[in-house]
PDB file of N, CA and C in Angstrom:
ATOM      1  N   UNK A   1      91.329 131.797 116.056  1.00  0.00           N
ATOM      2  CA  UNK A   1      90.942 130.255 116.216  1.00  0.00           C
ATOM      3  C   UNK A   1      91.902 129.440 115.509  1.00  0.00           C
ATOM      4  N   UNK A   2      92.802 128.131 116.107  1.00  0.00           N
ATOM      5  CA  UNK A   2      93.365 127.428 115.390  1.00  0.00           C
ATOM      6  C   UNK A   2      92.736 126.948 113.984  1.00  0.00           C
ATOM      7  N   UNK A   3      93.481 126.777 113.043  1.00  0.00           N
ATOM      8  CA  UNK A   3      93.119 126.210 111.857  1.00  0.00           C
ATOM      9  C   UNK A   3      93.110 124.935 111.865  1.00  0.00           C
ATOM     10  N   UNK A   4      91.889 124.326 111.348  1.00  0.00           N
ATOM     11  CA  UNK A   4      91.644 122.718 111.405  1.00  0.00           C
ATOM     12  C   UNK A   4      92.172 122.027 110.123  1.00  0.00           C
ATOM     13  N   UNK A   5      92.691 121.154 109.857  1.00  0.00           N
ATOM     14  CA  UNK A   5      93.091 120.371 108.727  1.00  0.00           C
ATOM     15  C   UNK A   5      92.977 118.647 108.950  1.00  0.00           C
ATOM     16  N   UNK A   6      92.005 118.425 107.974  1.00  0.00           N
ATOM     17  CA  UNK A   6      91.581 116.947 107.808  1.00  0.00           C
ATOM     18  C   UNK A   6      92.832 116.053 107.376  1.00  0.00           C
ATOM     19  N   UNK A   7      93.127 114.964 108.140  1.00  0.00           N
ATOM     20  CA  UNK A   7      94.138 113.940 107.576  1.00  0.00           C
ATOM     21  C   UNK A   7      93.627 112.690 107.794  1.00  0.00           C
ATOM     22  N   UNK A   8      94.197 111.970 106.732  1.00  0.00           N
ATOM     23  CA  UNK A   8      93.866 110.632 106.713  1.00  0.00           C
ATOM     24  C   UNK A   8      95.247 109.834 107.408  1.00  0.00           C
ATOM     25  N   UNK A   9      94.685 108.847 108.430  1.00  0.00           N
ATOM     26  CA  UNK A   9      95.494 107.892 108.740  1.00  0.00           C
ATOM     27  C   UNK A   9      95.254 106.610 108.845  1.00  0.00           C
ATOM     28  N   UNK A  10      96.528 105.721 108.319  1.00  0.00           N
ATOM     29  CA  UNK A  10      96.076 104.345 108.361  1.00  0.00           C
ATOM     30  C   UNK A  10      96.724 103.861 109.404  1.00  0.00           C
ATOM     31  N   UNK A  11      96.052 102.809 110.223  1.00  0.00           N
ATOM     32  CA  UNK A  11      96.575 101.925 111.293  1.00  0.00           C
ATOM     33  C   UNK A  11      95.987 100.536 111.050  1.00  0.00           C
ATOM     34  N   UNK A  12      96.892  99.551 111.917  1.00  0.00           N
ATOM     35  CA  UNK A  12      96.189  98.186 112.379  1.00  0.00           C
ATOM     36  C   UNK A  12      94.757  98.437 113.032  1.00  0.00           C
ATOM     37  N   UNK A  13      94.154  97.296 112.415  1.00  0.00           N
ATOM     38  CA  UNK A  13      92.448  97.131 112.903  1.00  0.00           C
ATOM     39  C   UNK A  13      92.655  96.674 114.489  1.00  0.00           C
ATOM     40  N   UNK A  14      93.588  96.524 115.139  1.00  0.00           N
ATOM     41  CA  UNK A  14      93.848  96.282 116.486  1.00  0.00           C
ATOM     42  C   UNK A  14      93.880  97.780 117.175  1.00  0.00           C
ATOM     43  N   UNK A  15      94.470  98.760 116.523  1.00  0.00           N
ATOM     44  CA  UNK A  15      94.379  99.999 117.313  1.00  0.00           C
ATOM     45  C   UNK A  15      93.357 100.741 116.902  1.00  0.00           C
ATOM     46  N   UNK A  16      92.507 100.390 115.680  1.00  0.00           N
ATOM     47  CA  UNK A  16      91.454 100.939 115.375  1.00  0.00           C
ATOM     48  C   UNK A  16      90.169 100.720 116.108  1.00  0.00           C
ATOM     49  N   UNK A  17      90.301  99.371 116.652  1.00  0.00           N
ATOM     50  CA  UNK A  17      89.213  98.918 117.542  1.00  0.00           C
ATOM     51  C   UNK A  17      89.404  99.627 118.822  1.00  0.00           C
ATOM     52  N   UNK A  18      90.964  99.536 119.322  1.00  0.00           N
ATOM     53  CA  UNK A  18      90.867 100.438 120.469  1.00  0.00           C
ATOM     54  C   UNK A  18      90.127 101.648 120.710  1.00  0.00           C
ATOM     55  N   UNK A  19      90.634 102.331 119.658  1.00  0.00           N
ATOM     56  CA  UNK A  19      90.112 103.980 119.349  1.00  0.00           C
ATOM     57  C   UNK A  19      88.600 104.069 119.395  1.00  0.00           C
ATOM     58  N   UNK A  20      87.969 103.297 118.755  1.00  0.00           N
ATOM     59  CA  UNK A  20      86.616 103.180 118.470  1.00  0.00           C
ATOM     60  C   UNK A  20      85.936 102.948 119.935  1.00  0.00           C
ATOM     61  N   UNK A  21      86.595 101.857 120.430  1.00  0.00           N
ATOM     62  CA  UNK A  21      86.026 101.092 121.905  1.00  0.00           C
ATOM     63  C   UNK A  21      86.043 102.487 122.958  1.00  0.00           C
ATOM     64  N   UNK A  22      87.033 103.025 122.815  1.00  0.00           N
ATOM     65  CA  UNK A  22      87.403 104.458 123.610  1.00  0.00           C
ATOM     66  C   UNK A  22      85.938 105.334 123.534  1.00  0.00           C
ATOM     67  N   UNK A  23      85.669 105.540 122.003  1.00  0.00           N
ATOM     68  CA  UNK A  23      84.756 106.370 121.880  1.00  0.00           C
ATOM     69  C   UNK A  23      83.222 105.893 122.427  1.00  0.00           C
ATOM     70  N   UNK A  24      83.018 104.316 121.628  1.00  0.00           N
ATOM     71  CA  UNK A  24      81.828 103.570 122.113  1.00  0.00           C
ATOM     72  C   UNK A  24      81.866 103.831 123.689  1.00  0.00           C
ATOM     73  N   UNK A  25      82.395 103.642 124.463  1.00  0.00           N
ATOM     74  CA  UNK A  25      82.246 103.556 126.072  1.00  0.00           C
ATOM     75  C   UNK A  25      82.083 104.910 126.668  1.00  0.00           C
ATOM     76  N   UNK A  26      82.040 106.288 125.970  1.00  0.00           N
ATOM     77  CA  UNK A  26      82.177 107.373 126.254  1.00  0.00           C
ATOM     78  C   UNK A  26      83.453 107.966 127.100  1.00  0.00           C
ATOM     79  N   UNK A  27      84.383 107.300 126.874  1.00  0.00           N
ATOM     80  CA  UNK A  27      85.649 108.052 127.506  1.00  0.00           C
ATOM     81  C   UNK A  27      85.950 109.089 126.751  1.00  0.00           C
ATOM     82  N   UNK A  28      85.814 108.895 125.480  1.00  0.00           N
ATOM     83  CA  UNK A  28      86.026 110.081 124.431  1.00  0.00           C
ATOM     84  C   UNK A  28      84.962 110.750 123.510  1.00  0.00           C
ATOM     85  N   UNK A  29      84.743 111.780 123.090  1.00  0.00           N
ATOM     86  CA  UNK A  29      83.402 112.151 122.263  1.00  0.00           C
ATOM     87  C   UNK A  29      83.624 111.752 121.023  1.00  0.00           C
ATOM     88  N   UNK A  30      84.881 111.671 120.595  1.00  0.00           N
ATOM     89  CA  UNK A  30      85.129 111.191 118.921  1.00  0.00           C
ATOM     90  C   UNK A  30      86.478 110.625 118.884  1.00  0.00           C
ATOM     91  N   UNK A  31      86.725 110.104 117.848  1.00  0.00           N
ATOM     92  CA  UNK A  31      88.082 109.561 117.511  1.00  0.00           C
ATOM     93  C   UNK A  31      89.029 110.476 117.241  1.00  0.00           C
ATOM     94  N   UNK A  32      88.699 111.593 116.983  1.00  0.00           N
ATOM     95  CA  UNK A  32      89.761 112.764 116.614  1.00  0.00           C
ATOM     96  C   UNK A  32      90.182 113.278 118.101  1.00  0.00           C
ATOM     97  N   UNK A  33      89.109 113.105 119.150  1.00  0.00           N
ATOM     98  CA  UNK A  33      89.876 113.504 120.246  1.00  0.00           C
ATOM     99  C   UNK A  33      90.719 112.442 120.885  1.00  0.00           C
ATOM    100  N   UNK A  34      90.648 111.384 120.723  1.00  0.00           N
ATOM    101  CA  UNK A  34      91.694 110.087 120.935  1.00  0.00           C
ATOM    102  C   UNK A  34      92.734 110.707 120.275  1.00  0.00           C
ATOM    103  N   UNK A  35      93.053 110.695 119.106  1.00  0.00           N
ATOM    104  CA  UNK A  35      93.923 111.106 118.360  1.00  0.00           C
ATOM    105  C   UNK A  35      94.589 112.155 119.034  1.00  0.00           C
ATOM    106  N   UNK A  36      94.033 113.462 119.053  1.00  0.00           N
ATOM    107  CA  UNK A  36      94.816 114.852 119.770  1.00  0.00           C
ATOM    108  C   UNK A  36      95.312 114.160 121.150  1.00  0.00           C
ATOM    109  N   UNK A  37      94.590 113.705 121.984  1.00  0.00           N
ATOM    110  CA  UNK A  37      95.546 113.292 123.259  1.00  0.00           C
ATOM    111  C   UNK A  37      96.473 112.531 123.145  1.00  0.00           C
ATOM    112  N   UNK A  38      96.461 111.436 122.345  1.00  0.00           N
ATOM    113  CA  UNK A  38      97.746 110.590 121.972  1.00  0.00           C
ATOM    114  C   UNK A  38      98.677 111.509 121.354  1.00  0.00           C
ATOM    115  N   UNK A  39      98.658 112.490 120.454  1.00  0.00           N
ATOM    116  CA  UNK A  39      99.807 113.303 119.771  1.00  0.00           C
ATOM    117  C   UNK A  39     100.175 114.451 121.095  1.00  0.00           C
ATOM    118  N   UNK A  40      99.448 114.833 121.815  1.00  0.00           N
ATOM    119  CA  UNK A  40      99.807 115.576 123.090  1.00  0.00           C
ATOM    120  C   UNK A  40     100.730 114.682 123.837  1.00  0.00           C
ATOM    121  N   UNK A  41     100.209 113.426 124.369  1.00  0.00           N
ATOM    122  CA  UNK A  41     101.219 112.752 125.048  1.00  0.00           C
ATOM    123  C   UNK A  41     102.280 112.374 124.688  1.00  0.00           C
ATOM    124  N   UNK A  42     102.642 112.041 123.009  1.00  0.00           N
ATOM    125  CA  UNK A  42     103.635 111.910 122.280  1.00  0.00           C
ATOM    126  C   UNK A  42     104.255 113.025 122.416  1.00  0.00           C
ATOM    127  N   UNK A  43     103.962 114.309 121.968  1.00  0.00           N
ATOM    128  CA  UNK A  43     104.620 115.399 121.938  1.00  0.00           C
ATOM    129  C   UNK A  43     105.595 115.649 123.171  1.00  0.00           C
ATOM    130  N   UNK A  44     104.815 115.341 124.484  1.00  0.00           N
ATOM    131  CA  UNK A  44     105.036 115.610 125.636  1.00  0.00           C
ATOM    132  C   UNK A  44     106.440 114.831 125.947  1.00  0.00           C
ATOM    133  N   UNK A  45     106.299 113.665 125.764  1.00  0.00           N
ATOM    134  CA  UNK A  45     107.132 112.175 126.025  1.00  0.00           C
ATOM    135  C   UNK A  45     108.519 112.626 125.128  1.00  0.00           C
ATOM    136  N   UNK A  46     108.058 113.210 123.663  1.00  0.00           N
ATOM    137  CA  UNK A  46     109.489 113.431 122.955  1.00  0.00           C
ATOM    138  C   UNK A  46     109.848 114.706 123.392  1.00  0.00           C
ATOM    139  N   UNK A  47     109.502 115.645 123.825  1.00  0.00           N
ATOM    140  CA  UNK A  47     110.316 116.604 124.283  1.00  0.00           C
ATOM    141  C   UNK A  47     111.084 116.282 125.653  1.00  0.00           C
ATOM    142  N   UNK A  48     110.561 115.568 126.513  1.00  0.00           N
ATOM    143  CA  UNK A  48     111.329 114.964 127.331  1.00  0.00           C
ATOM    144  C   UNK A  48     112.631 114.170 127.075  1.00  0.00           C
ATOM    145  N   UNK A  49     112.420 113.396 125.896  1.00  0.00           N
ATOM    146  CA  UNK A  49     113.652 112.751 125.452  1.00  0.00           C
ATOM    147  C   UNK A  49     114.593 113.677 124.888  1.00  0.00           C
ATOM    148  N   UNK A  50     114.017 114.513 124.187  1.00  0.00           N
ATOM    149  CA  UNK A  50     114.747 115.481 123.343  1.00  0.00           C
ATOM    150  C   UNK A  50     115.617 116.202 124.607  1.00  0.00           C
ATOM    151  N   UNK A  51     115.122 116.621 125.744  1.00  0.00           N
ATOM    152  CA  UNK A  51     115.485 117.208 126.815  1.00  0.00           C
ATOM    153  C   UNK A  51     116.524 116.469 127.328  1.00  0.00           C
ATOM    154  N   UNK A  52     116.458 115.209 127.608  1.00  0.00           N
ATOM    155  CA  UNK A  52     117.268 114.358 128.410  1.00  0.00           C
ATOM    156  C   UNK A  52     118.684 113.962 127.335  1.00  0.00           C
ATOM    157  N   UNK A  53     118.490 114.046 126.013  1.00  0.00           N
ATOM    158  CA  UNK A  53     119.442 113.642 125.102  1.00  0.00           C
ATOM    159  C   UNK A  53     120.351 115.033 125.159  1.00  0.00           C
ATOM    160  N   UNK A  54     120.083 116.368 125.373  1.00  0.00           N
ATOM    161  CA  UNK A  54     120.538 117.703 125.059  1.00  0.00           C
ATOM    162  C   UNK A  54     121.466 117.581 126.604  1.00  0.00           C
ATOM    163  N   UNK A  55     120.725 117.179 127.567  1.00  0.00           N
ATOM    164  CA  UNK A  55     121.777 116.831 128.930  1.00  0.00           C
ATOM    165  C   UNK A  55     122.677 115.811 129.022  1.00  0.00           C
ATOM    166  N   UNK A  56     122.337 114.829 127.987  1.00  0.00           N
ATOM    167  CA  UNK A  56     123.496 114.041 128.127  1.00  0.00           C
ATOM    168  C   UNK A  56     124.503 114.338 127.318  1.00  0.00           C
ATOM    169  N   UNK A  57     124.265 115.065 125.901  1.00  0.00           N
ATOM    170  CA  UNK A  57     125.361 115.641 125.336  1.00  0.00           C
ATOM    171  C   UNK A  57     126.187 116.866 125.911  1.00  0.00           C
ATOM    172  N   UNK A  58     125.459 117.226 126.674  1.00  0.00           N
ATOM    173  CA  UNK A  58     126.403 118.518 127.594  1.00  0.00           C
ATOM    174  C   UNK A  58     127.114 117.677 128.606  1.00  0.00           C
ATOM    175  N   UNK A  59     126.718 116.770 129.103  1.00  0.00           N
ATOM    176  CA  UNK A  59     127.530 115.883 130.229  1.00  0.00           C
ATOM    177  C   UNK A  59     128.579 115.172 129.555  1.00  0.00           C
ATOM    178  N   UNK A  60     128.311 114.522 128.306  1.00  0.00           N
ATOM    179  CA  UNK A  60     129.734 114.232 127.366  1.00  0.00           C
ATOM    180  C   UNK A  60     130.664 115.195 127.229  1.00  0.00           C
ATOM    181  N   UNK A  61     130.012 116.357 126.617  1.00  0.00           N
ATOM    182  CA  UNK A  61     130.825 117.591 126.249  1.00  0.00           C
ATOM    183  C   UNK A  61     131.791 117.936 127.593  1.00  0.00           C
ATOM    184  N   UNK A  62     131.029 117.901 128.871  1.00  0.00           N
ATOM    185  CA  UNK A  62     131.736 118.239 130.031  1.00  0.00           C
ATOM    186  C   UNK A  62     133.197 117.216 130.623  1.00  0.00           C
ATOM    187  N   UNK A  63     132.462 116.072 130.225  1.00  0.00           N
ATOM    188  CA  UNK A  63     133.456 114.761 130.318  1.00  0.00           C
ATOM    189  C   UNK A  63     134.629 114.981 129.321  1.00  0.00           C
ATOM    190  N   UNK A  64     134.369 115.223 128.252  1.00  0.00           N
ATOM    191  CA  UNK A  64     135.435 115.320 127.083  1.00  0.00           C
ATOM    192  C   UNK A  64     136.585 116.482 127.713  1.00  0.00           C
ATOM    193  N   UNK A  65     135.925 117.494 128.079  1.00  0.00           N
ATOM    194  CA  UNK A  65     136.816 118.681 128.288  1.00  0.00           C
ATOM    195  C   UNK A  65     137.474 118.266 129.684  1.00  0.00           C
ATOM    196  N   UNK A  66     136.884 117.623 130.348  1.00  0.00           N
ATOM    197  CA  UNK A  66     137.750 117.340 131.430  1.00  0.00           C
ATOM    198  C   UNK A  66     138.792 116.443 131.277  1.00  0.00           C
ATOM    199  N   UNK A  67     138.710 115.476 130.508  1.00  0.00           N
ATOM    200  CA  UNK A  67     139.783 114.701 129.862  1.00  0.00           C
ATOM    201  C   UNK A  67     140.902 115.237 129.016  1.00  0.00           C
ATOM    202  N   UNK A  68     140.598 116.338 128.322  1.00  0.00           N
ATOM    203  CA  UNK A  68     141.509 117.205 127.539  1.00  0.00           C
ATOM    204  C   UNK A  68     142.252 118.130 128.537  1.00  0.00           C
ATOM    205  N   UNK A  69     141.216 118.266 129.610  1.00  0.00           N
ATOM    206  CA  UNK A  69     142.364 119.216 130.767  1.00  0.00           C
ATOM    207  C   UNK A  69     142.980 118.644 131.648  1.00  0.00           C
ATOM    208  N   UNK A  70     142.982 117.639 131.543  1.00  0.00           N
ATOM    209  CA  UNK A  70     143.920 116.370 132.570  1.00  0.00           C
ATOM    210  C   UNK A  70     143.184 115.936 133.795  1.00  0.00           C
ATOM    211  N   UNK A  71     141.597 116.223 134.061  1.00  0.00           N
ATOM    212  CA  UNK A  71     140.902 116.357 134.988  1.00  0.00           C
ATOM    213  C   UNK A  71     140.482 115.036 135.177  1.00  0.00           C
ATOM    214  N   UNK A  72     140.964 114.147 134.979  1.00  0.00           N
ATOM    215  CA  UNK A  72     140.602 112.339 134.878  1.00  0.00           C
ATOM    216  C   UNK A  72     141.480 111.617 135.572  1.00  0.00           C
ATOM    217  N   UNK A  73     140.839 110.383 135.781  1.00  0.00           N
ATOM    218  CA  UNK A  73     141.529 109.485 136.765  1.00  0.00           C
ATOM    219  C   UNK A  73     141.664 108.343 135.714  1.00  0.00           C
ATOM    220  N   UNK A  74     142.779 107.383 135.822  1.00  0.00           N
ATOM    221  CA  UNK A  74     142.731 106.113 135.241  1.00  0.00           C
ATOM    222  C   UNK A  74     141.412 105.104 135.607  1.00  0.00           C
ATOM    223  N   UNK A  75     140.960 104.609 134.736  1.00  0.00           N
ATOM    224  CA  UNK A  75     139.882 103.624 135.088  1.00  0.00           C
ATOM    225  C   UNK A  75     140.475 102.407 135.503  1.00  0.00           C
ATOM    226  N   UNK A  76     139.612 102.232 137.094  1.00  0.00           N
ATOM    227  CA  UNK A  76     140.070 101.248 138.003  1.00  0.00           C
ATOM    228  C   UNK A  76     138.796 100.466 138.207  1.00  0.00           C
ATOM    229  N   UNK A  77     138.694  99.155 137.213  1.00  0.00           N
ATOM    230  CA  UNK A  77     137.287  98.538 137.810  1.00  0.00           C
ATOM    231  C   UNK A  77     137.259  98.071 138.986  1.00  0.00           C
ATOM    232  N   UNK A  78     138.182  97.559 139.624  1.00  0.00           N
ATOM    233  CA  UNK A  78     138.424  97.301 140.939  1.00  0.00           C
ATOM    234  C   UNK A  78     137.993  98.107 141.754  1.00  0.00           C
ATOM    235  N   UNK A  79     138.580  99.340 141.888  1.00  0.00           N
ATOM    236  CA  UNK A  79     138.537 100.107 142.775  1.00  0.00           C
ATOM    237  C   UNK A  79     136.756 100.962 142.780  1.00  0.00           C
ATOM    238  N   UNK A  80     136.442 100.615 141.404  1.00  0.00           N
ATOM    239  CA  UNK A  80     134.871 100.934 141.519  1.00  0.00           C
ATOM    240  C   UNK A  80     134.127  99.917 142.112  1.00  0.00           C
ATOM    241  N   UNK A  81     134.357  98.607 142.077  1.00  0.00           N
ATOM    242  CA  UNK A  81     133.653  97.655 142.417  1.00  0.00           C
ATOM    243  C   UNK A  81     133.728  97.486 144.042  1.00  0.00           C
ATOM    244  N   UNK A  82     134.918  97.759 144.537  1.00  0.00           N
ATOM    245  CA  UNK A  82     135.120  98.200 145.821  1.00  0.00           C
ATOM    246  C   UNK A  82     133.801  99.010 146.679  1.00  0.00           C
ATOM    247  N   UNK A  83     134.293 100.056 145.917  1.00  0.00           N
ATOM    248  CA  UNK A  83     133.226 101.541 146.469  1.00  0.00           C
ATOM    249  C   UNK A  83     131.963 100.933 146.464  1.00  0.00           C
ATOM    250  N   UNK A  84     131.613 100.072 145.183  1.00  0.00           N
ATOM    251  CA  UNK A  84     130.121  99.856 145.240  1.00  0.00           C
ATOM    252  C   UNK A  84     129.649  99.193 146.456  1.00  0.00           C
ATOM    253  N   UNK A  85     130.587  97.807 146.796  1.00  0.00           N
ATOM    254  CA  UNK A  85     130.190  96.936 147.840  1.00  0.00           C
ATOM    255  C   UNK A  85     130.152  97.719 149.029  1.00  0.00           C
ATOM    256  N   UNK A  86     130.894  98.893 149.204  1.00  0.00           N
ATOM    257  CA  UNK A  86     131.219  99.456 150.649  1.00  0.00           C
ATOM    258  C   UNK A  86     129.860 100.324 150.908  1.00  0.00           C
ATOM    259  N   UNK A  87     129.333 101.015 149.474  1.00  0.00           N
ATOM    260  CA  UNK A  87     127.955 101.848 149.482  1.00  0.00           C
ATOM    261  C   UNK A  87     126.832 100.761 150.010  1.00  0.00           C
ATOM    262  N   UNK A  88     126.969  99.466 149.273  1.00  0.00           N
ATOM    263  CA  UNK A  88     125.743  98.561 149.601  1.00  0.00           C
ATOM    264  C   UNK A  88     125.763  98.286 150.881  1.00  0.00           C
ATOM    265  N   UNK A  89     127.292  97.803 151.521  1.00  0.00           N
ATOM    266  CA  UNK A  89     127.112  97.489 153.052  1.00  0.00           C
ATOM    267  C   UNK A  89     126.560  98.395 154.135  1.00  0.00           C
ATOM    268  N   UNK A  90     126.976  99.960 153.691  1.00  0.00           N
ATOM    269  CA  UNK A  90     126.477 101.055 154.500  1.00  0.00           C
ATOM    270  C   UNK A  90     125.073 101.246 154.178  1.00  0.00           C
ATOM    271  N   UNK A  91     124.452 100.738 153.456  1.00  0.00           N
ATOM    272  CA  UNK A  91     122.999 100.632 153.131  1.00  0.00           C
ATOM    273  C   UNK A  91     122.141  99.743 153.927  1.00  0.00           C
ATOM    274  N   UNK A  92     122.981  98.644 154.033  1.00  0.00           N
ATOM    275  CA  UNK A  92     122.173  97.395 154.759  1.00  0.00           C
ATOM    276  C   UNK A  92     122.442  97.645 156.301  1.00  0.00           C
ATOM    277  N   UNK A  93     123.061  98.767 156.737  1.00  0.00           N
ATOM    278  CA  UNK A  93     123.223  98.314 158.034  1.00  0.00           C
ATOM    279  C   UNK A  93     122.358  99.574 158.721  1.00  0.00           C
TER     280      UNK A  93
END
C-alpha cells in the first residue's frame, strides 16, 4: 500500500469555502479527496504541457537544422498573406 503523509496547506478563504462546499454537498467524501483529484488533474495538465514543450523544442531543432542545411526560403510576408487569402477563398466556396 502507498505510504500516506500528512501535509499542511495554506490557501485563500475563497478556495477553502469552495473545497468545503464540495464536501458538504456530497460531491466528495473529504477535503483530502478534493485535493487529491485536483493534484491528479494538475499532474495530467502539467504532463501535457511538458509533452507539448518537448514537441515544440523538437520542431525548433528541426527548423534550425533545415536553416543550417540551406533548406529554407526567404521570408516573404506578401506571399504568405496571398496564400492565406487564397485558402480562405477556397473554404468559402
